[in-house]
Amino acid sequence: MTTAPVPPARTGVPRPSAPSAPSAPSAPPELGCNGRRHRHAMDEATLWDMARRIPAALRRTARLAWTSARRMVTAIVVCRFLSGVATAVMLGAVARVLPHLTAPGPRVGLSRAAWALTVAVAAMAAGAALWIVADWSIRRLNPKTASAAALTLVGLHMRRNCRRTTRRASRTAAGPPRSAPCAPSTSPATPGP
């Protein structure tokens, strides 16, 4: 008589496990304004309150972009300005061309307008090229500014937690806090150029 084999789980011998697939990295924690004061701030904000804060937010953003990459900000401002100048030159040249093109005899009008048409095309090409360079600069600046903003936000969060920890430690009569004291960081908060 033959006996049926006993499954390994019943014998107390562990089964060899299949190699597990590497786990996907978890998403980074999100920092939010979940404090008591800020929980319903957007619900209570009016359009005037938000509009009043726009200039300060633009100043902070410009300052952050300037500290992140000065060359990119300079390139954006110069290229956008020169692109606007090129557009103005193109519109002026087109305004000079139109009367010649509406004159009787298309060949005569076209020959008189050739110089203005050349200027209009050249100004349009220069404006488009400058616009492309400015757009390229913006695309290079955005990640740097976003990482600088994230570092600033983390720094503010850490400073706030440090103050809270220090206040709690000073309230207790047990002596100094158990954790190391919070010291200001000596490393720059924004990446270099």
N, C-alpha and C. Protein backbone atom coordinates (compact mmCIF):
# COMPACT_ATOMS: atom_id res chain seq x y z
N MET A 1 0.83 -1.16 0.00
CA MET A 1 0.00 0.00 0.00
C MET A 1 0.89 1.23 0.00
N THR A 2 0.59 2.18 -0.87
CA THR A 2 1.37 3.42 -0.94
C THR A 2 0.60 4.53 -0.26
N THR A 3 1.33 5.39 0.36
CA THR A 3 0.69 6.51 1.03
C THR A 3 0.78 7.74 0.15
N ALA A 4 -0.20 8.55 0.26
CA ALA A 4 -0.22 9.80 -0.52
C ALA A 4 0.78 10.78 0.05
N PRO A 5 1.49 11.50 -0.81
CA PRO A 5 2.46 12.47 -0.29
C PRO A 5 1.77 13.59 0.48
N VAL A 6 2.42 14.02 1.50
CA VAL A 6 1.88 15.09 2.34
C VAL A 6 2.34 16.43 1.76
N PRO A 7 1.42 17.39 1.62
CA PRO A 7 1.85 18.71 1.11
C PRO A 7 2.88 19.34 2.04
N PRO A 8 3.82 20.14 1.48
CA PRO A 8 4.88 20.72 2.30
C PRO A 8 4.38 21.62 3.41
N ALA A 9 3.23 22.27 3.25
CA ALA A 9 2.74 23.17 4.28
C ALA A 9 2.40 22.42 5.55
N ARG A 10 2.05 21.15 5.44
CA ARG A 10 1.65 20.37 6.62
C ARG A 10 2.85 19.73 7.30
N THR A 11 3.95 19.69 6.62
CA THR A 11 5.11 19.05 7.23
C THR A 11 5.92 19.99 8.09
N GLY A 12 5.65 21.28 8.00
CA GLY A 12 6.41 22.25 8.77
C GLY A 12 7.63 22.75 8.03
N VAL A 13 7.88 22.21 6.85
CA VAL A 13 9.01 22.66 6.04
C VAL A 13 8.53 23.82 5.18
N PRO A 14 9.19 24.95 5.27
CA PRO A 14 8.72 26.09 4.48
C PRO A 14 8.95 25.86 2.99
N ARG A 15 8.01 26.36 2.22
CA ARG A 15 8.13 26.27 0.76
C ARG A 15 9.11 27.31 0.27
N PRO A 16 9.85 26.97 -0.77
CA PRO A 16 10.71 28.02 -1.33
C PRO A 16 9.82 29.08 -2.00
N SER A 17 10.07 30.31 -1.65
CA SER A 17 9.23 31.38 -2.19
C SER A 17 9.76 31.81 -3.55
N ALA A 18 8.83 32.22 -4.38
CA ALA A 18 9.19 32.73 -5.71
C ALA A 18 9.79 34.12 -5.53
N PRO A 19 10.76 34.44 -6.36
CA PRO A 19 11.34 35.79 -6.21
C PRO A 19 10.27 36.85 -6.43
N SER A 20 10.22 37.77 -5.50
CA SER A 20 9.20 38.81 -5.59
C SER A 20 9.66 39.92 -6.54
N ALA A 21 8.69 40.51 -7.19
CA ALA A 21 8.99 41.62 -8.09
C ALA A 21 9.39 42.84 -7.26
N PRO A 22 10.32 43.63 -7.77
CA PRO A 22 10.71 44.82 -6.99
C PRO A 22 9.51 45.76 -6.84
N SER A 23 9.37 46.26 -5.65
CA SER A 23 8.23 47.14 -5.40
C SER A 23 8.49 48.51 -6.02
N ALA A 24 7.41 49.11 -6.48
CA ALA A 24 7.51 50.44 -7.09
C ALA A 24 7.77 51.45 -5.99
N PRO A 25 8.59 52.46 -6.29
CA PRO A 25 8.85 53.47 -5.26
C PRO A 25 7.58 54.23 -4.93
N SER A 26 7.45 54.54 -3.67
CA SER A 26 6.25 55.26 -3.24
C SER A 26 6.35 56.73 -3.64
N ALA A 27 5.22 57.34 -3.76
CA ALA A 27 5.18 58.75 -4.13
C ALA A 27 5.72 59.59 -2.97
N PRO A 28 6.39 60.70 -3.28
CA PRO A 28 6.89 61.54 -2.19
C PRO A 28 5.74 62.16 -1.42
N PRO A 29 5.95 62.44 -0.16
CA PRO A 29 4.86 63.05 0.63
C PRO A 29 4.55 64.45 0.11
N GLU A 30 3.30 64.81 0.20
CA GLU A 30 2.87 66.13 -0.25
C GLU A 30 2.79 67.07 0.95
N LEU A 31 3.28 68.27 0.73
CA LEU A 31 3.16 69.29 1.77
C LEU A 31 1.94 70.13 1.44
N GLY A 32 1.12 70.35 2.39
CA GLY A 32 -0.08 71.14 2.14
C GLY A 32 -0.34 72.08 3.30
N CYS A 33 -1.30 72.93 3.11
CA CYS A 33 -1.72 73.85 4.17
C CYS A 33 -2.91 73.25 4.87
N ASN A 34 -2.66 72.38 5.81
CA ASN A 34 -3.74 71.71 6.52
C ASN A 34 -3.86 72.18 7.96
N GLY A 35 -3.26 73.31 8.26
CA GLY A 35 -3.35 73.83 9.61
C GLY A 35 -4.74 74.36 9.89
N ARG A 36 -5.01 74.64 11.15
CA ARG A 36 -6.33 75.13 11.53
C ARG A 36 -6.68 76.44 10.84
N ARG A 37 -5.69 77.34 10.74
CA ARG A 37 -5.96 78.65 10.16
C ARG A 37 -6.17 78.59 8.65
N HIS A 38 -5.53 77.63 7.97
CA HIS A 38 -5.53 77.62 6.51
C HIS A 38 -6.49 76.62 5.89
N ARG A 39 -7.16 75.83 6.68
CA ARG A 39 -7.97 74.76 6.14
C ARG A 39 -9.06 75.28 5.21
N HIS A 40 -9.73 76.36 5.58
CA HIS A 40 -10.83 76.89 4.78
C HIS A 40 -10.50 78.27 4.20
N ALA A 41 -9.23 78.55 3.99
CA ALA A 41 -8.84 79.87 3.51
C ALA A 41 -9.38 80.14 2.11
N MET A 42 -9.34 79.15 1.23
CA MET A 42 -9.83 79.36 -0.12
C MET A 42 -11.35 79.50 -0.17
N ASP A 43 -12.05 78.86 0.76
CA ASP A 43 -13.50 78.98 0.79
C ASP A 43 -13.94 80.39 1.16
N GLU A 44 -13.16 81.03 2.02
CA GLU A 44 -13.53 82.34 2.52
C GLU A 44 -12.90 83.49 1.72
N ALA A 45 -12.00 83.18 0.79
CA ALA A 45 -11.32 84.23 0.04
C ALA A 45 -12.25 84.81 -1.03
N THR A 46 -12.19 86.11 -1.18
CA THR A 46 -12.97 86.77 -2.22
C THR A 46 -12.07 87.05 -3.42
N LEU A 47 -12.68 87.43 -4.51
CA LEU A 47 -11.92 87.76 -5.71
C LEU A 47 -10.99 88.94 -5.45
N TRP A 48 -11.46 89.92 -4.69
CA TRP A 48 -10.63 91.08 -4.37
C TRP A 48 -9.42 90.68 -3.53
N ASP A 49 -9.61 89.76 -2.57
CA ASP A 49 -8.49 89.28 -1.75
C ASP A 49 -7.42 88.62 -2.62
N MET A 50 -7.86 87.80 -3.56
CA MET A 50 -6.89 87.12 -4.43
C MET A 50 -6.21 88.10 -5.38
N ALA A 51 -6.97 89.04 -5.93
CA ALA A 51 -6.40 90.03 -6.86
C ALA A 51 -5.39 90.92 -6.14
N ARG A 52 -5.63 91.21 -4.87
CA ARG A 52 -4.73 92.05 -4.09
C ARG A 52 -3.39 91.36 -3.86
N ARG A 53 -3.38 90.03 -3.84
CA ARG A 53 -2.16 89.28 -3.57
C ARG A 53 -1.33 89.00 -4.82
N ILE A 54 -1.87 89.25 -6.00
CA ILE A 54 -1.17 88.93 -7.25
C ILE A 54 0.16 89.67 -7.38
N PRO A 55 0.23 90.99 -7.16
CA PRO A 55 1.53 91.67 -7.31
C PRO A 55 2.62 91.10 -6.40
N ALA A 56 2.29 90.80 -5.17
CA ALA A 56 3.29 90.23 -4.25
C ALA A 56 3.72 88.84 -4.71
N ALA A 57 2.77 88.05 -5.20
CA ALA A 57 3.11 86.72 -5.69
C ALA A 57 4.01 86.81 -6.93
N LEU A 58 3.74 87.76 -7.80
CA LEU A 58 4.58 87.95 -8.99
C LEU A 58 5.99 88.40 -8.59
N ARG A 59 6.09 89.29 -7.60
CA ARG A 59 7.41 89.72 -7.13
C ARG A 59 8.19 88.55 -6.55
N ARG A 60 7.53 87.73 -5.74
CA ARG A 60 8.20 86.57 -5.15
C ARG A 60 8.64 85.58 -6.23
N THR A 61 7.79 85.37 -7.22
CA THR A 61 8.13 84.45 -8.31
C THR A 61 9.30 84.97 -9.11
N ALA A 62 9.29 86.27 -9.42
CA ALA A 62 10.40 86.86 -10.17
C ALA A 62 11.70 86.78 -9.37
N ARG A 63 11.64 87.03 -8.08
CA ARG A 63 12.83 86.95 -7.24
C ARG A 63 13.36 85.51 -7.18
N LEU A 64 12.46 84.56 -7.08
CA LEU A 64 12.85 83.15 -7.06
C LEU A 64 13.48 82.74 -8.38
N ALA A 65 12.88 83.17 -9.49
CA ALA A 65 13.44 82.85 -10.81
C ALA A 65 14.81 83.51 -10.98
N TRP A 66 14.95 84.74 -10.52
CA TRP A 66 16.23 85.45 -10.64
C TRP A 66 17.32 84.75 -9.85
N THR A 67 17.00 84.27 -8.64
CA THR A 67 18.01 83.57 -7.85
C THR A 67 18.30 82.18 -8.41
N SER A 68 17.35 81.60 -9.14
CA SER A 68 17.56 80.26 -9.71
C SER A 68 18.48 80.30 -10.92
N ALA A 69 18.19 81.20 -11.87
CA ALA A 69 18.97 81.24 -13.11
C ALA A 69 18.89 82.64 -13.71
N ARG A 70 19.86 83.46 -13.36
CA ARG A 70 19.85 84.85 -13.83
C ARG A 70 19.97 84.96 -15.34
N ARG A 71 20.81 84.11 -15.92
CA ARG A 71 20.99 84.18 -17.38
C ARG A 71 19.71 83.87 -18.13
N MET A 72 18.97 82.90 -17.65
CA MET A 72 17.71 82.54 -18.33
C MET A 72 16.69 83.68 -18.21
N VAL A 73 16.59 84.27 -17.03
CA VAL A 73 15.65 85.38 -16.85
C VAL A 73 16.04 86.55 -17.74
N THR A 74 17.34 86.85 -17.81
CA THR A 74 17.81 87.93 -18.67
C THR A 74 17.50 87.61 -20.13
N ALA A 75 17.74 86.38 -20.55
CA ALA A 75 17.45 85.99 -21.93
C ALA A 75 15.96 86.12 -22.24
N ILE A 76 15.11 85.75 -21.30
CA ILE A 76 13.67 85.84 -21.52
C ILE A 76 13.25 87.30 -21.69
N VAL A 77 13.70 88.16 -20.78
CA VAL A 77 13.30 89.56 -20.84
C VAL A 77 13.81 90.23 -22.11
N VAL A 78 15.08 90.02 -22.44
CA VAL A 78 15.67 90.65 -23.64
C VAL A 78 15.00 90.13 -24.90
N CYS A 79 14.81 88.81 -24.99
CA CYS A 79 14.21 88.24 -26.20
C CYS A 79 12.76 88.68 -26.37
N ARG A 80 12.01 88.73 -25.30
CA ARG A 80 10.61 89.18 -25.42
C ARG A 80 10.55 90.66 -25.81
N PHE A 81 11.43 91.47 -25.25
CA PHE A 81 11.45 92.89 -25.60
C PHE A 81 11.81 93.07 -27.08
N LEU A 82 12.88 92.39 -27.52
CA LEU A 82 13.30 92.53 -28.91
C LEU A 82 12.28 91.92 -29.87
N SER A 83 11.59 90.88 -29.45
CA SER A 83 10.52 90.32 -30.27
C SER A 83 9.38 91.33 -30.44
N GLY A 84 9.08 92.06 -29.39
CA GLY A 84 8.07 93.11 -29.49
C GLY A 84 8.51 94.23 -30.42
N VAL A 85 9.79 94.59 -30.35
CA VAL A 85 10.32 95.62 -31.26
C VAL A 85 10.23 95.13 -32.70
N ALA A 86 10.58 93.86 -32.93
CA ALA A 86 10.51 93.31 -34.29
C ALA A 86 9.07 93.28 -34.79
N THR A 87 8.12 93.00 -33.93
CA THR A 87 6.72 93.02 -34.33
C THR A 87 6.27 94.43 -34.69
N ALA A 88 6.72 95.42 -33.92
CA ALA A 88 6.38 96.81 -34.24
C ALA A 88 6.97 97.22 -35.59
N VAL A 89 8.21 96.84 -35.85
CA VAL A 89 8.84 97.15 -37.14
C VAL A 89 8.09 96.46 -38.27
N MET A 90 7.69 95.22 -38.06
CA MET A 90 6.94 94.49 -39.09
C MET A 90 5.60 95.17 -39.38
N LEU A 91 4.89 95.58 -38.35
CA LEU A 91 3.61 96.25 -38.55
C LEU A 91 3.78 97.59 -39.25
N GLY A 92 4.85 98.31 -38.91
CA GLY A 92 5.12 99.57 -39.61
C GLY A 92 5.42 99.34 -41.08
N ALA A 93 6.18 98.31 -41.40
CA ALA A 93 6.50 97.99 -42.79
C ALA A 93 5.25 97.56 -43.55
N VAL A 94 4.39 96.79 -42.91
CA VAL A 94 3.15 96.38 -43.57
C VAL A 94 2.26 97.59 -43.82
N ALA A 95 2.25 98.54 -42.91
CA ALA A 95 1.45 99.76 -43.12
C ALA A 95 1.97 100.56 -44.31
N ARG A 96 3.29 100.52 -44.56
CA ARG A 96 3.84 101.20 -45.74
C ARG A 96 3.56 100.43 -47.02
N VAL A 97 3.45 99.12 -46.93
CA VAL A 97 3.24 98.28 -48.12
C VAL A 97 1.81 98.38 -48.64
N LEU A 98 0.84 98.43 -47.75
CA LEU A 98 -0.56 98.36 -48.17
C LEU A 98 -0.97 99.42 -49.19
N PRO A 99 -0.61 100.69 -49.05
CA PRO A 99 -1.02 101.66 -50.07
C PRO A 99 -0.44 101.34 -51.46
N HIS A 100 0.78 100.79 -51.49
CA HIS A 100 1.39 100.46 -52.78
C HIS A 100 0.71 99.27 -53.43
N LEU A 101 0.25 98.33 -52.61
CA LEU A 101 -0.40 97.15 -53.18
C LEU A 101 -1.81 97.43 -53.67
N THR A 102 -2.44 98.46 -53.16
CA THR A 102 -3.80 98.81 -53.61
C THR A 102 -3.77 99.79 -54.77
N ALA A 103 -2.59 100.24 -55.17
CA ALA A 103 -2.48 101.17 -56.31
C ALA A 103 -2.80 100.42 -57.60
N PRO A 104 -3.24 101.16 -58.65
CA PRO A 104 -3.50 100.50 -59.93
C PRO A 104 -2.19 99.98 -60.53
N GLY A 105 -2.26 98.85 -61.13
CA GLY A 105 -1.06 98.24 -61.71
C GLY A 105 -0.30 97.47 -60.66
N PRO A 106 -0.53 96.17 -60.54
CA PRO A 106 0.10 95.40 -59.46
C PRO A 106 1.62 95.36 -59.55
N ARG A 107 2.18 95.37 -60.76
CA ARG A 107 3.64 95.29 -60.87
C ARG A 107 4.31 96.56 -60.37
N VAL A 108 3.75 97.66 -60.65
CA VAL A 108 4.32 98.94 -60.20
C VAL A 108 4.24 99.02 -58.68
N GLY A 109 3.08 98.68 -58.12
CA GLY A 109 2.91 98.73 -56.66
C GLY A 109 3.82 97.74 -55.95
N LEU A 110 3.97 96.56 -56.55
CA LEU A 110 4.83 95.55 -55.93
C LEU A 110 6.29 95.95 -55.98
N SER A 111 6.70 96.57 -57.09
CA SER A 111 8.10 96.99 -57.17
C SER A 111 8.39 98.14 -56.21
N ARG A 112 7.42 99.00 -55.97
CA ARG A 112 7.61 100.10 -55.01
C ARG A 112 7.60 99.59 -53.57
N ALA A 113 6.87 98.50 -53.34
CA ALA A 113 6.73 97.97 -51.98
C ALA A 113 7.76 96.90 -51.66
N ALA A 114 8.67 96.60 -52.58
CA ALA A 114 9.62 95.49 -52.37
C ALA A 114 10.47 95.70 -51.13
N TRP A 115 10.99 96.91 -50.95
CA TRP A 115 11.85 97.17 -49.79
C TRP A 115 11.07 97.02 -48.48
N ALA A 116 9.86 97.56 -48.42
CA ALA A 116 9.05 97.45 -47.20
C ALA A 116 8.64 96.00 -46.95
N LEU A 117 8.36 95.25 -48.02
CA LEU A 117 8.04 93.82 -47.85
C LEU A 117 9.24 93.05 -47.31
N THR A 118 10.42 93.37 -47.80
CA THR A 118 11.64 92.71 -47.32
C THR A 118 11.85 93.00 -45.83
N VAL A 119 11.66 94.23 -45.45
CA VAL A 119 11.80 94.61 -44.03
C VAL A 119 10.75 93.88 -43.19
N ALA A 120 9.51 93.79 -43.69
CA ALA A 120 8.45 93.12 -42.94
C ALA A 120 8.76 91.64 -42.74
N VAL A 121 9.24 90.98 -43.80
CA VAL A 121 9.56 89.55 -43.70
C VAL A 121 10.76 89.33 -42.76
N ALA A 122 11.78 90.17 -42.88
CA ALA A 122 12.94 90.03 -42.01
C ALA A 122 12.57 90.28 -40.54
N ALA A 123 11.75 91.29 -40.29
CA ALA A 123 11.32 91.58 -38.92
C ALA A 123 10.46 90.44 -38.37
N MET A 124 9.61 89.87 -39.21
CA MET A 124 8.78 88.76 -38.76
C MET A 124 9.65 87.54 -38.43
N ALA A 125 10.66 87.27 -39.26
CA ALA A 125 11.55 86.13 -39.00
C ALA A 125 12.37 86.36 -37.73
N ALA A 126 12.86 87.58 -37.54
CA ALA A 126 13.64 87.88 -36.33
C ALA A 126 12.77 87.78 -35.08
N GLY A 127 11.54 88.30 -35.17
CA GLY A 127 10.63 88.21 -34.03
C GLY A 127 10.30 86.77 -33.68
N ALA A 128 10.09 85.93 -34.70
CA ALA A 128 9.79 84.52 -34.44
C ALA A 128 10.99 83.81 -33.83
N ALA A 129 12.19 84.10 -34.33
CA ALA A 129 13.40 83.48 -33.77
C ALA A 129 13.60 83.89 -32.31
N LEU A 130 13.40 85.17 -32.03
CA LEU A 130 13.55 85.64 -30.64
C LEU A 130 12.48 85.02 -29.74
N TRP A 131 11.29 84.84 -30.25
CA TRP A 131 10.21 84.22 -29.48
C TRP A 131 10.58 82.77 -29.16
N ILE A 132 11.18 82.07 -30.11
CA ILE A 132 11.59 80.68 -29.90
C ILE A 132 12.68 80.61 -28.84
N VAL A 133 13.65 81.52 -28.89
CA VAL A 133 14.72 81.53 -27.89
C VAL A 133 14.14 81.82 -26.50
N ALA A 134 13.19 82.75 -26.41
CA ALA A 134 12.57 83.05 -25.12
C ALA A 134 11.79 81.84 -24.61
N ASP A 135 11.08 81.16 -25.49
CA ASP A 135 10.33 79.97 -25.08
C ASP A 135 11.28 78.87 -24.61
N TRP A 136 12.40 78.69 -25.29
CA TRP A 136 13.39 77.71 -24.88
C TRP A 136 13.93 78.06 -23.49
N SER A 137 14.19 79.35 -23.26
CA SER A 137 14.70 79.79 -21.95
C SER A 137 13.67 79.53 -20.85
N ILE A 138 12.41 79.76 -21.17
CA ILE A 138 11.36 79.52 -20.18
C ILE A 138 11.29 78.04 -19.83
N ARG A 139 11.40 77.19 -20.85
CA ARG A 139 11.35 75.74 -20.60
C ARG A 139 12.55 75.27 -19.78
N ARG A 140 13.67 75.92 -19.90
CA ARG A 140 14.83 75.57 -19.06
C ARG A 140 14.72 76.16 -17.66
N LEU A 141 14.06 77.30 -17.55
CA LEU A 141 13.94 77.97 -16.26
C LEU A 141 12.89 77.31 -15.36
N ASN A 142 11.80 76.81 -15.93
CA ASN A 142 10.71 76.26 -15.13
C ASN A 142 11.14 75.17 -14.15
N PRO A 143 11.90 74.15 -14.56
CA PRO A 143 12.30 73.13 -13.56
C PRO A 143 13.19 73.69 -12.46
N LYS A 144 14.07 74.63 -12.81
CA LYS A 144 14.95 75.21 -11.79
C LYS A 144 14.13 76.00 -10.78
N THR A 145 13.17 76.77 -11.26
CA THR A 145 12.34 77.57 -10.37
C THR A 145 11.45 76.66 -9.52
N ALA A 146 10.92 75.61 -10.11
CA ALA A 146 10.07 74.68 -9.35
C ALA A 146 10.86 73.99 -8.25
N SER A 147 12.10 73.58 -8.55
CA SER A 147 12.88 72.94 -7.49
C SER A 147 13.29 73.94 -6.42
N ALA A 148 13.58 75.18 -6.82
CA ALA A 148 13.90 76.20 -5.82
C ALA A 148 12.69 76.51 -4.94
N ALA A 149 11.50 76.54 -5.54
CA ALA A 149 10.28 76.77 -4.76
C ALA A 149 10.03 75.61 -3.80
N ALA A 150 10.27 74.39 -4.26
CA ALA A 150 10.09 73.23 -3.38
C ALA A 150 11.09 73.27 -2.22
N LEU A 151 12.33 73.62 -2.51
CA LEU A 151 13.33 73.72 -1.44
C LEU A 151 12.96 74.82 -0.44
N THR A 152 12.47 75.94 -0.95
CA THR A 152 12.05 77.02 -0.07
C THR A 152 10.89 76.58 0.80
N LEU A 153 9.92 75.87 0.20
CA LEU A 153 8.77 75.40 0.96
C LEU A 153 9.19 74.40 2.04
N VAL A 154 10.09 73.49 1.69
CA VAL A 154 10.57 72.53 2.68
C VAL A 154 11.34 73.26 3.79
N GLY A 155 12.14 74.26 3.41
CA GLY A 155 12.87 75.03 4.41
C GLY A 155 11.94 75.75 5.38
N LEU A 156 10.87 76.35 4.83
CA LEU A 156 9.89 77.02 5.70
C LEU A 156 9.20 76.01 6.61
N HIS A 157 8.86 74.85 6.05
CA HIS A 157 8.21 73.80 6.84
C HIS A 157 9.12 73.32 7.97
N MET A 158 10.39 73.11 7.64
CA MET A 158 11.34 72.64 8.66
C MET A 158 11.57 73.71 9.72
N ARG A 159 11.66 74.97 9.30
CA ARG A 159 11.86 76.06 10.27
C ARG A 159 10.67 76.15 11.22
N ARG A 160 9.46 75.98 10.67
CA ARG A 160 8.26 76.03 11.50
C ARG A 160 8.26 74.88 12.50
N ASN A 161 8.58 73.68 12.03
CA ASN A 161 8.63 72.53 12.93
C ASN A 161 9.72 72.70 13.98
N CYS A 162 10.83 73.31 13.61
CA CYS A 162 11.92 73.55 14.55
C CYS A 162 11.46 74.51 15.66
N ARG A 163 10.78 75.58 15.25
CA ARG A 163 10.27 76.53 16.26
C ARG A 163 9.28 75.85 17.19
N ARG A 164 8.41 75.02 16.61
CA ARG A 164 7.41 74.33 17.42
C ARG A 164 8.09 73.38 18.41
N THR A 165 9.11 72.65 17.96
CA THR A 165 9.84 71.73 18.83
C THR A 165 10.56 72.49 19.93
N THR A 166 11.16 73.61 19.58
CA THR A 166 11.88 74.42 20.57
C THR A 166 10.92 74.98 21.61
N ARG A 167 9.74 75.44 21.16
CA ARG A 167 8.75 75.97 22.12
C ARG A 167 8.28 74.88 23.07
N ARG A 168 8.01 73.70 22.52
CA ARG A 168 7.56 72.60 23.38
C ARG A 168 8.63 72.24 24.39
N ALA A 169 9.87 72.21 23.96
CA ALA A 169 10.96 71.85 24.86
C ALA A 169 11.13 72.90 25.95
N SER A 170 10.92 74.17 25.61
CA SER A 170 11.10 75.21 26.63
C SER A 170 9.97 75.20 27.64
N ARG A 171 8.80 74.66 27.26
CA ARG A 171 7.68 74.59 28.19
C ARG A 171 7.86 73.48 29.22
N THR A 172 8.58 72.45 28.85
CA THR A 172 8.75 71.34 29.79
C THR A 172 9.84 71.70 30.80
N ALA A 173 9.68 71.22 31.98
CA ALA A 173 10.67 71.49 33.03
C ALA A 173 11.72 70.40 33.10
N ALA A 174 11.68 69.44 32.19
CA ALA A 174 12.59 68.31 32.24
C ALA A 174 13.99 68.66 31.78
N GLY A 175 14.19 69.82 31.23
CA GLY A 175 15.52 70.19 30.78
C GLY A 175 15.57 70.38 29.27
N PRO A 176 16.77 70.20 28.74
CA PRO A 176 16.93 70.46 27.31
C PRO A 176 16.17 69.43 26.47
N PRO A 177 15.85 69.77 25.23
CA PRO A 177 15.14 68.82 24.38
C PRO A 177 16.01 67.61 24.07
N ARG A 178 15.36 66.50 23.81
CA ARG A 178 16.09 65.26 23.53
C ARG A 178 16.71 65.27 22.14
N SER A 179 16.10 65.97 21.21
CA SER A 179 16.66 66.01 19.86
C SER A 179 17.71 67.10 19.77
N ALA A 180 18.48 67.06 18.71
CA ALA A 180 19.51 68.07 18.51
C ALA A 180 18.85 69.41 18.25
N PRO A 181 19.47 70.49 18.71
CA PRO A 181 18.87 71.81 18.48
C PRO A 181 18.84 72.13 16.99
N CYS A 182 17.87 72.91 16.60
CA CYS A 182 17.73 73.31 15.20
C CYS A 182 18.69 74.44 14.91
N ALA A 183 19.48 74.27 13.91
CA ALA A 183 20.43 75.31 13.51
C ALA A 183 20.11 75.73 12.08
N PRO A 184 20.30 76.99 11.77
CA PRO A 184 20.01 77.40 10.39
C PRO A 184 20.96 76.70 9.44
N SER A 185 20.45 76.38 8.26
CA SER A 185 21.24 75.69 7.26
C SER A 185 22.27 76.64 6.64
N THR A 186 23.46 76.13 6.42
CA THR A 186 24.48 76.97 5.77
C THR A 186 24.50 76.76 4.29
N SER A 187 23.80 75.73 3.78
CA SER A 187 23.77 75.50 2.35
C SER A 187 22.74 76.42 1.70
N PRO A 188 22.98 76.82 0.45
CA PRO A 188 22.00 77.70 -0.21
C PRO A 188 20.69 76.95 -0.45
N ALA A 189 19.59 77.68 -0.39
CA ALA A 189 18.28 77.08 -0.58
C ALA A 189 17.96 76.87 -2.04
N THR A 190 18.70 77.51 -2.92
CA THR A 190 18.42 77.37 -4.35
C THR A 190 19.63 76.83 -5.06
N PRO A 191 19.41 76.07 -6.13
CA PRO A 191 20.55 75.56 -6.88
C PRO A 191 21.28 76.67 -7.60
N GLY A 192 22.52 76.46 -7.88
CA GLY A 192 23.33 77.48 -8.56
C GLY A 192 22.96 77.63 -10.02
N PRO A 193 23.59 78.58 -10.71
CA PRO A 193 23.23 78.82 -12.11
C PRO A 193 23.61 77.74 -13.03
